[in-house]
Amino acid sequence: MRNKIFNTFLLVLVLTFILTSCKKGNSCYNEELYQKHKNDICPMDCPGVVGCDGKTYCNGCIAMAHGISIQ
């Protein structure tokens, strides 16, 4: 019984983490930036940039097309 409760708690914890880490749920996500750049044609060069969410994106254009500003 104790194992079942722990497994249920762990499942809820993991699901909560997944749902709150989605891009639109991220406090770094900027809807205005997304709307402005969502249709941009981005170059495929990939020097790597870090977004305000701490994730690495190929370049700034791709990050902004996802509504994420770069650091």
N, C-alpha and C. Protein backbone atom coordinates (compact mmCIF):
# COMPACT_ATOMS: atom_id res chain seq x y z
N MET A 1 0.82 -1.19 0.00
CA MET A 1 0.00 0.00 0.00
C MET A 1 0.87 1.26 0.00
N ARG A 2 1.90 1.26 0.84
CA ARG A 2 2.79 2.41 0.94
C ARG A 2 3.51 2.64 -0.39
N ASN A 3 3.89 1.55 -1.06
CA ASN A 3 4.57 1.63 -2.35
C ASN A 3 3.64 2.23 -3.41
N LYS A 4 2.37 1.86 -3.37
CA LYS A 4 1.39 2.38 -4.33
C LYS A 4 1.19 3.89 -4.13
N ILE A 5 1.13 4.33 -2.90
CA ILE A 5 0.98 5.76 -2.60
C ILE A 5 2.22 6.52 -3.08
N PHE A 6 3.39 5.97 -2.82
CA PHE A 6 4.63 6.61 -3.26
C PHE A 6 4.67 6.71 -4.78
N ASN A 7 4.31 5.63 -5.48
CA ASN A 7 4.32 5.64 -6.95
C ASN A 7 3.33 6.66 -7.50
N THR A 8 2.16 6.76 -6.89
CA THR A 8 1.17 7.75 -7.32
C THR A 8 1.70 9.16 -7.10
N PHE A 9 2.30 9.41 -5.95
CA PHE A 9 2.89 10.72 -5.66
C PHE A 9 3.98 11.05 -6.67
N LEU A 10 4.82 10.09 -6.97
CA LEU A 10 5.91 10.30 -7.92
C LEU A 10 5.36 10.60 -9.31
N LEU A 11 4.33 9.90 -9.72
CA LEU A 11 3.70 10.15 -11.02
C LEU A 11 3.12 11.56 -11.08
N VAL A 12 2.43 11.98 -10.04
CA VAL A 12 1.87 13.34 -10.00
C VAL A 12 2.99 14.38 -10.04
N LEU A 13 4.07 14.15 -9.34
CA LEU A 13 5.20 15.06 -9.33
C LEU A 13 5.81 15.19 -10.72
N VAL A 14 6.01 14.08 -11.40
CA VAL A 14 6.60 14.09 -12.74
C VAL A 14 5.66 14.79 -13.73
N LEU A 15 4.38 14.49 -13.68
CA LEU A 15 3.43 15.13 -14.57
C LEU A 15 3.35 16.63 -14.33
N THR A 16 3.41 17.05 -13.08
CA THR A 16 3.41 18.48 -12.75
C THR A 16 4.63 19.15 -13.34
N PHE A 17 5.78 18.52 -13.23
CA PHE A 17 7.01 19.08 -13.78
C PHE A 17 6.90 19.22 -15.29
N ILE A 18 6.40 18.20 -15.96
CA ILE A 18 6.28 18.22 -17.41
C ILE A 18 5.31 19.32 -17.85
N LEU A 19 4.18 19.41 -17.20
CA LEU A 19 3.18 20.39 -17.61
C LEU A 19 3.62 21.82 -17.34
N THR A 20 4.38 22.05 -16.29
CA THR A 20 4.81 23.42 -15.99
C THR A 20 6.05 23.82 -16.76
N SER A 21 6.71 22.88 -17.42
CA SER A 21 7.90 23.22 -18.18
C SER A 21 7.60 23.46 -19.66
N CYS A 22 6.35 23.35 -20.07
CA CYS A 22 5.98 23.62 -21.45
C CYS A 22 6.27 25.07 -21.79
N LYS A 23 6.55 25.34 -23.05
CA LYS A 23 6.99 26.67 -23.43
C LYS A 23 6.02 27.78 -23.04
N LYS A 24 4.74 27.59 -23.21
CA LYS A 24 3.80 28.64 -22.90
C LYS A 24 3.59 28.79 -21.40
N GLY A 25 3.94 27.78 -20.65
CA GLY A 25 3.82 27.87 -19.20
C GLY A 25 5.08 28.46 -18.57
N ASN A 26 6.10 28.61 -19.35
CA ASN A 26 7.37 29.11 -18.86
C ASN A 26 7.27 30.62 -18.68
N SER A 27 7.72 31.14 -17.53
CA SER A 27 7.64 32.57 -17.27
C SER A 27 8.54 33.37 -18.22
N CYS A 28 9.43 32.71 -18.91
CA CYS A 28 10.33 33.35 -19.86
C CYS A 28 9.65 33.55 -21.21
N TYR A 29 8.64 32.76 -21.50
CA TYR A 29 7.94 32.82 -22.78
C TYR A 29 7.28 34.19 -22.95
N ASN A 30 7.44 34.77 -24.16
CA ASN A 30 6.90 36.09 -24.45
C ASN A 30 5.97 35.98 -25.66
N GLU A 31 4.68 36.09 -25.42
CA GLU A 31 3.68 35.94 -26.47
C GLU A 31 3.87 36.97 -27.58
N GLU A 32 4.18 38.22 -27.22
CA GLU A 32 4.38 39.26 -28.23
C GLU A 32 5.57 38.94 -29.12
N LEU A 33 6.65 38.46 -28.53
CA LEU A 33 7.83 38.08 -29.30
C LEU A 33 7.48 36.92 -30.24
N TYR A 34 6.74 35.96 -29.72
CA TYR A 34 6.31 34.82 -30.53
C TYR A 34 5.46 35.29 -31.71
N GLN A 35 4.46 36.13 -31.45
CA GLN A 35 3.57 36.61 -32.52
C GLN A 35 4.35 37.38 -33.58
N LYS A 36 5.34 38.14 -33.16
CA LYS A 36 6.13 38.95 -34.09
C LYS A 36 7.03 38.08 -34.97
N HIS A 37 7.55 36.98 -34.43
CA HIS A 37 8.57 36.20 -35.14
C HIS A 37 8.15 34.79 -35.53
N LYS A 38 6.89 34.40 -35.27
CA LYS A 38 6.49 33.01 -35.50
C LYS A 38 6.58 32.58 -36.97
N ASN A 39 6.49 33.50 -37.89
CA ASN A 39 6.56 33.15 -39.31
C ASN A 39 7.89 33.51 -39.95
N ASP A 40 8.87 33.89 -39.15
CA ASP A 40 10.19 34.22 -39.68
C ASP A 40 10.82 33.00 -40.35
N ILE A 41 11.55 33.25 -41.41
CA ILE A 41 12.34 32.19 -42.05
C ILE A 41 13.75 32.31 -41.48
N CYS A 42 14.09 31.37 -40.64
CA CYS A 42 15.37 31.44 -39.92
C CYS A 42 16.47 30.71 -40.68
N PRO A 43 17.70 31.25 -40.59
CA PRO A 43 18.83 30.54 -41.19
C PRO A 43 19.12 29.27 -40.41
N MET A 44 19.76 28.33 -41.05
CA MET A 44 20.04 27.06 -40.40
C MET A 44 21.43 27.00 -39.78
N ASP A 45 22.13 28.15 -39.73
CA ASP A 45 23.42 28.14 -39.03
C ASP A 45 23.14 27.88 -37.56
N CYS A 46 24.06 27.20 -36.94
CA CYS A 46 23.79 26.75 -35.57
C CYS A 46 24.97 26.99 -34.64
N PRO A 47 25.26 28.28 -34.37
CA PRO A 47 26.33 28.54 -33.42
C PRO A 47 25.91 28.23 -31.99
N GLY A 48 24.61 28.20 -31.74
CA GLY A 48 24.09 27.90 -30.41
C GLY A 48 23.98 29.16 -29.56
N VAL A 49 22.78 29.45 -29.11
CA VAL A 49 22.54 30.57 -28.20
C VAL A 49 21.70 30.05 -27.05
N VAL A 50 21.85 30.68 -25.89
CA VAL A 50 21.09 30.27 -24.71
C VAL A 50 19.92 31.23 -24.54
N GLY A 51 18.72 30.65 -24.45
CA GLY A 51 17.53 31.45 -24.23
C GLY A 51 17.36 31.79 -22.77
N CYS A 52 16.44 32.71 -22.50
CA CYS A 52 16.19 33.11 -21.12
C CYS A 52 15.64 31.95 -20.28
N ASP A 53 15.21 30.87 -20.94
CA ASP A 53 14.72 29.69 -20.23
C ASP A 53 15.84 28.71 -19.88
N GLY A 54 17.08 29.08 -20.28
CA GLY A 54 18.23 28.23 -19.98
C GLY A 54 18.48 27.14 -21.01
N LYS A 55 17.61 27.02 -22.00
CA LYS A 55 17.78 26.01 -23.05
C LYS A 55 18.63 26.58 -24.18
N THR A 56 19.31 25.70 -24.91
CA THR A 56 20.14 26.12 -26.04
C THR A 56 19.33 25.99 -27.33
N TYR A 57 19.35 27.06 -28.11
CA TYR A 57 18.68 27.09 -29.42
C TYR A 57 19.76 27.26 -30.47
N CYS A 58 19.48 26.81 -31.69
CA CYS A 58 20.45 26.89 -32.77
C CYS A 58 20.94 28.34 -32.97
N ASN A 59 20.00 29.27 -33.02
CA ASN A 59 20.37 30.69 -33.18
C ASN A 59 19.25 31.56 -32.61
N GLY A 60 19.50 32.85 -32.56
CA GLY A 60 18.54 33.78 -31.98
C GLY A 60 17.22 33.82 -32.70
N CYS A 61 17.25 33.67 -34.01
CA CYS A 61 16.03 33.68 -34.81
C CYS A 61 15.09 32.54 -34.39
N ILE A 62 15.65 31.38 -34.23
CA ILE A 62 14.84 30.22 -33.84
C ILE A 62 14.30 30.40 -32.43
N ALA A 63 15.10 30.92 -31.53
CA ALA A 63 14.63 31.16 -30.15
C ALA A 63 13.47 32.14 -30.16
N MET A 64 13.62 33.25 -30.89
CA MET A 64 12.54 34.25 -30.92
C MET A 64 11.29 33.71 -31.61
N ALA A 65 11.45 32.83 -32.60
CA ALA A 65 10.29 32.22 -33.25
C ALA A 65 9.53 31.32 -32.30
N HIS A 66 10.18 30.93 -31.20
CA HIS A 66 9.52 30.15 -30.16
C HIS A 66 9.05 31.04 -29.01
N GLY A 67 9.25 32.36 -29.13
CA GLY A 67 8.82 33.29 -28.09
C GLY A 67 9.79 33.40 -26.94
N ILE A 68 11.04 33.05 -27.18
CA ILE A 68 12.07 33.05 -26.14
C ILE A 68 13.14 34.08 -26.49
N SER A 69 13.41 35.01 -25.59
CA SER A 69 14.49 35.96 -25.83
C SER A 69 15.82 35.31 -25.46
N ILE A 70 16.89 35.80 -26.06
CA ILE A 70 18.20 35.21 -25.79
C ILE A 70 18.92 36.02 -24.73
N GLN A 71 19.81 35.35 -24.03
CA GLN A 71 20.56 36.01 -22.96
C GLN A 71 21.77 36.73 -23.50
